[in-house]
C-alpha atoms as a PDB file:
ATOM      1  CA  MET A   1      65.988 114.193 103.603  1.00  0.00           C
ATOM      2  CA  LYS A   2      65.068 117.865 103.601  1.00  0.00           C
ATOM      3  CA  TYR A   3      68.497 118.705 105.133  1.00  0.00           C
ATOM      4  CA  LYS A   4      70.660 116.945 102.566  1.00  0.00           C
ATOM      5  CA  TYR A   5      71.802 120.239 100.959  1.00  0.00           C
ATOM      6  CA  VAL A   6      72.301 122.203 104.169  1.00  0.00           C
ATOM      7  CA  ILE A   7      75.515 120.527 105.330  1.00  0.00           C
ATOM      8  CA  PRO A   8      77.458 120.966 102.053  1.00  0.00           C
ATOM      9  CA  ALA A   9      76.471 124.644 101.992  1.00  0.00           C
ATOM     10  CA  VAL A  10      77.760 125.101 105.537  1.00  0.00           C
ATOM     11  CA  VAL A  11      80.963 123.214 104.751  1.00  0.00           C
ATOM     12  CA  LEU A  12      81.585 125.290 101.632  1.00  0.00           C
ATOM     13  CA  SER A  13      80.864 128.546 103.416  1.00  0.00           C
ATOM     14  CA  LEU A  14      83.536 127.688 106.000  1.00  0.00           C
ATOM     15  CA  GLY A  15      86.048 127.083 103.223  1.00  0.00           C
ATOM     16  CA  MET A  16      86.636 123.454 104.127  1.00  0.00           C
ATOM     17  CA  MET A  17      86.784 120.635 101.641  1.00  0.00           C
ATOM     18  CA  ILE A  18      85.767 117.162 102.763  1.00  0.00           C
ATOM     19  CA  PRO A  19      85.970 114.382 100.168  1.00  0.00           C
ATOM     20  CA  ALA A  20      82.837 112.276  99.809  1.00  0.00           C
ATOM     21  CA  SER A  21      84.646 108.972 100.203  1.00  0.00           C
ATOM     22  CA  ALA A  22      88.348 109.316 100.953  1.00  0.00           C
ATOM     23  CA  ASN A  23      90.269 106.108 100.420  1.00  0.00           C
ATOM     24  CA  LYS A  24      92.159 104.770 103.420  1.00  0.00           C
ATOM     25  CA  ILE A  25      94.387 101.920 104.547  1.00  0.00           C
ATOM     26  CA  LYS A  26      92.393  99.127 106.172  1.00  0.00           C
ATOM     27  CA  ASN A  27      95.239  96.712 106.982  1.00  0.00           C
ATOM     28  CA  VAL A  28      99.029  96.525 106.764  1.00  0.00           C
ATOM     29  CA  PHE A  29     101.045  93.327 106.540  1.00  0.00           C
ATOM     30  CA  VAL A  30     104.816  92.879 106.169  1.00  0.00           C
ATOM     31  CA  VAL A  31     105.739  90.313 103.535  1.00  0.00           C
ATOM     32  CA  ASP A  32     109.512  90.584 104.057  1.00  0.00           C
ATOM     33  CA  GLU A  33     112.178  93.208 104.791  1.00  0.00           C
ATOM     34  CA  LEU A  34     111.691  94.800 101.356  1.00  0.00           C
ATOM     35  CA  THR A  35     107.923  94.506 100.863  1.00  0.00           C
ATOM     36  CA  VAL A  36     104.854  95.854 102.664  1.00  0.00           C
ATOM     37  CA  GLU A  37     101.325  94.870 101.730  1.00  0.00           C
ATOM     38  CA  VAL A  38      98.379  97.218 102.261  1.00  0.00           C
ATOM     39  CA  GLU A  39      94.675  96.565 101.972  1.00  0.00           C
ATOM     40  CA  MET A  40      92.832  99.700 100.918  1.00  0.00           C
ATOM     41  CA  ALA A  41      89.172 100.511 101.493  1.00  0.00           C
ATOM     42  CA  ASP A  42      88.797 101.306  97.765  1.00  0.00           C
ATOM     43  CA  PRO A  43      90.927 100.584  94.698  1.00  0.00           C
ATOM     44  CA  LEU A  44      93.769 102.998  93.973  1.00  0.00           C
ATOM     45  CA  THR A  45      93.283 105.262  90.963  1.00  0.00           C
ATOM     46  CA  LYS A  46      94.861 104.665  87.561  1.00  0.00           C
ATOM     47  CA  GLU A  47      97.010 107.741  88.133  1.00  0.00           C
ATOM     48  CA  GLU A  48      98.406 106.271  91.366  1.00  0.00           C
ATOM     49  CA  LEU A  49      99.374 103.086  89.488  1.00  0.00           C
ATOM     50  CA  ASN A  50     100.716 104.814  86.356  1.00  0.00           C
ATOM     51  CA  PRO A  51     104.369 103.848  85.658  1.00  0.00           C
ATOM     52  CA  ALA A  52     104.927 107.090  83.711  1.00  0.00           C
ATOM     53  CA  ALA A  53     104.133 109.113  86.845  1.00  0.00           C
ATOM     54  CA  PHE A  54     106.651 107.083  88.846  1.00  0.00           C
ATOM     55  CA  LEU A  55     109.377 107.798  86.288  1.00  0.00           C
ATOM     56  CA  SER A  56     108.669 111.525  86.124  1.00  0.00           C
ATOM     57  CA  PRO A  57     110.952 113.907  88.047  1.00  0.00           C
ATOM     58  CA  GLY A  58     109.561 114.986  91.391  1.00  0.00           C
ATOM     59  CA  TYR A  59     107.377 111.891  91.822  1.00  0.00           C
ATOM     60  CA  LYS A  60     106.168 111.432  95.404  1.00  0.00           C
ATOM     61  CA  SER A  61     104.420 108.304  96.585  1.00  0.00           C
ATOM     62  CA  GLU A  62     100.968 108.627  98.149  1.00  0.00           C
ATOM     63  CA  PHE A  63     102.322 106.298 100.864  1.00  0.00           C
ATOM     64  CA  THR A  64     104.719 107.674 103.468  1.00  0.00           C
ATOM     65  CA  PHE A  65     106.584 105.842 106.211  1.00  0.00           C
ATOM     66  CA  ASN A  66     108.522 106.750 109.335  1.00  0.00           C
ATOM     67  CA  GLU A  67     112.000 105.600 110.472  1.00  0.00           C
ATOM     68  CA  GLY A  68     113.588 106.570 107.124  1.00  0.00           C
ATOM     69  CA  VAL A  69     111.640 103.962 105.166  1.00  0.00           C
ATOM     70  CA  GLU A  70     110.608 105.006 101.653  1.00  0.00           C
ATOM     71  CA  ALA A  71     108.547 103.429  98.898  1.00  0.00           C
ATOM     72  CA  VAL A  72     110.897 102.564  96.022  1.00  0.00           C
ATOM     73  CA  GLY A  73     108.253 101.551  93.506  1.00  0.00           C
ATOM     74  CA  LEU A  74     104.629 101.818  92.583  1.00  0.00           C
ATOM     75  CA  PRO A  75     102.007  99.840  94.504  1.00  0.00           C
ATOM     76  CA  ILE A  76     101.479  96.528  92.710  1.00  0.00           C
ATOM     77  CA  PRO A  77      97.899  95.159  92.735  1.00  0.00           C
ATOM     78  CA  GLN A  78      97.530  91.633  94.115  1.00  0.00           C
ATOM     79  CA  LYS A  79      94.976  89.015  93.262  1.00  0.00           C
ATOM     80  CA  SER A  80      92.100  88.783  95.743  1.00  0.00           C
ATOM     81  CA  ASP A  81      92.026  85.724  97.990  1.00  0.00           C
ATOM     82  CA  GLY A  82      88.239  85.908  98.418  1.00  0.00           C
ATOM     83  CA  PHE A  83      88.505  87.571 101.829  1.00  0.00           C
ATOM     84  CA  HIS A  84      90.798  90.539 101.168  1.00  0.00           C
ATOM     85  CA  TYR A  85      90.293  93.003  98.310  1.00  0.00           C
ATOM     86  CA  ASN A  86      92.122  96.074  97.014  1.00  0.00           C
ATOM     87  CA  ILE A  87      95.481  94.700  98.138  1.00  0.00           C
ATOM     88  CA  TYR A  88      98.725  96.268  96.948  1.00  0.00           C
ATOM     89  CA  ARG A  89     102.369  95.397  97.536  1.00  0.00           C
ATOM     90  CA  ILE A  90     104.795  98.254  97.990  1.00  0.00           C
ATOM     91  CA  ALA A  91     108.550  97.799  97.639  1.00  0.00           C
ATOM     92  CA  VAL A  92     110.483  99.670 100.338  1.00  0.00           C
ATOM     93  CA  ASN A  93     114.146 100.482 100.905  1.00  0.00           C
ATOM     94  CA  GLY A  94     114.394  98.125 103.878  1.00  0.00           C
ATOM     95  CA  LEU A  95     112.900  97.255 107.250  1.00  0.00           C
ATOM     96  CA  GLU A  96     114.724  96.210 110.397  1.00  0.00           C
ATOM     97  CA  THR A  97     113.603  94.208 113.398  1.00  0.00           C
ATOM     98  CA  GLY A  98     112.860  96.364 116.412  1.00  0.00           C
ATOM     99  CA  PRO A  99     111.215  99.627 115.316  1.00  0.00           C
ATOM    100  CA  ILE A 100     107.475 100.061 115.181  1.00  0.00           C
ATOM    101  CA  TYR A 101     106.816 101.429 111.728  1.00  0.00           C
ATOM    102  CA  GLN A 102     104.010 103.633 110.493  1.00  0.00           C
ATOM    103  CA  ILE A 103     102.521 103.977 107.032  1.00  0.00           C
ATOM    104  CA  SER A 104     100.209 106.766 105.961  1.00  0.00           C
ATOM    105  CA  TYR A 105      98.197 107.259 102.790  1.00  0.00           C
ATOM    106  CA  GLN A 106      97.891 110.860 101.583  1.00  0.00           C
ATOM    107  CA  GLY A 107      98.805 112.201 105.026  1.00  0.00           C
ATOM    108  CA  GLN A 108      95.946 110.449 106.817  1.00  0.00           C
ATOM    109  CA  LYS A 109      96.237 108.943 110.292  1.00  0.00           C
ATOM    110  CA  PRO A 110      99.022 106.335 110.089  1.00  0.00           C
ATOM    111  CA  LYS A 111      98.709 102.588 110.642  1.00  0.00           C
ATOM    112  CA  THR A 112     101.442 100.840 112.606  1.00  0.00           C
ATOM    113  CA  PHE A 113     103.237  97.612 111.771  1.00  0.00           C
ATOM    114  CA  LYS A 114     106.342  95.677 112.747  1.00  0.00           C
ATOM    115  CA  PHE A 115     108.897  93.536 110.936  1.00  0.00           C
ATOM    116  CA  TYR A 116     109.907  90.483 112.958  1.00  0.00           C
ATOM    117  CA  GLY A 117     112.525  88.912 110.727  1.00  0.00           C
ATOM    118  CA  GLY A 118     113.663  85.326 110.466  1.00  0.00           C
ATOM    119  CA  ARG A 119     111.436  82.398 111.277  1.00  0.00           C
ATOM    120  CA  GLU A 120     108.840  84.505 113.112  1.00  0.00           C
ATOM    121  CA  GLN A 121     108.173  86.576 109.958  1.00  0.00           C
ATOM    122  CA  VAL A 122     107.939  83.411 107.836  1.00  0.00           C
ATOM    123  CA  ASP A 123     105.417  81.950 110.273  1.00  0.00           C
ATOM    124  CA  LYS A 124     103.300  85.130 110.223  1.00  0.00           C
ATOM    125  CA  TYR A 125     103.310  85.054 106.414  1.00  0.00           C
ATOM    126  CA  ARG A 126     102.372  81.370 106.400  1.00  0.00           C
ATOM    127  CA  ASP A 127      99.549  82.017 108.899  1.00  0.00           C
ATOM    128  CA  ARG A 128      98.114  84.609 106.536  1.00  0.00           C
ATOM    129  CA  TYR A 129      98.536  82.795 103.230  1.00  0.00           C
ATOM    130  CA  GLY A 130      98.768  79.098 104.120  1.00  0.00           C
ATOM    131  CA  SER A 131     101.519  76.525 104.104  1.00  0.00           C
ATOM    132  CA  TYR A 132     101.855  76.374 100.322  1.00  0.00           C
ATOM    133  CA  PHE A 133     104.210  79.386 100.367  1.00  0.00           C
END
């Protein structure tokens, strides 16, 4: 305990800034070719979910993709299923079968995912959420 103030002083003296608890993507799941679902470690902030920010000129999503995929809307919070929390759906401009996609939150290390299409994608969705969908 006597060292608890030493590390921040060293970090500050080096000019680095390390957030105390940076949010990150825990899991990624493709719902369909126009929707990606992410489970975050912590809830997104009110600012990240603010529709006014999305409509303002120069808005940039906190989520970035590869392969020309872009978020075309704000993350939409989803109801918890008792096992997964802090889940958000993100509308995208389209996914294709074949590429291995990546999603990153605030420039952090990306998570990979794949869109399978057709019956295989439906089965993966059903495996996650049950046969009532």
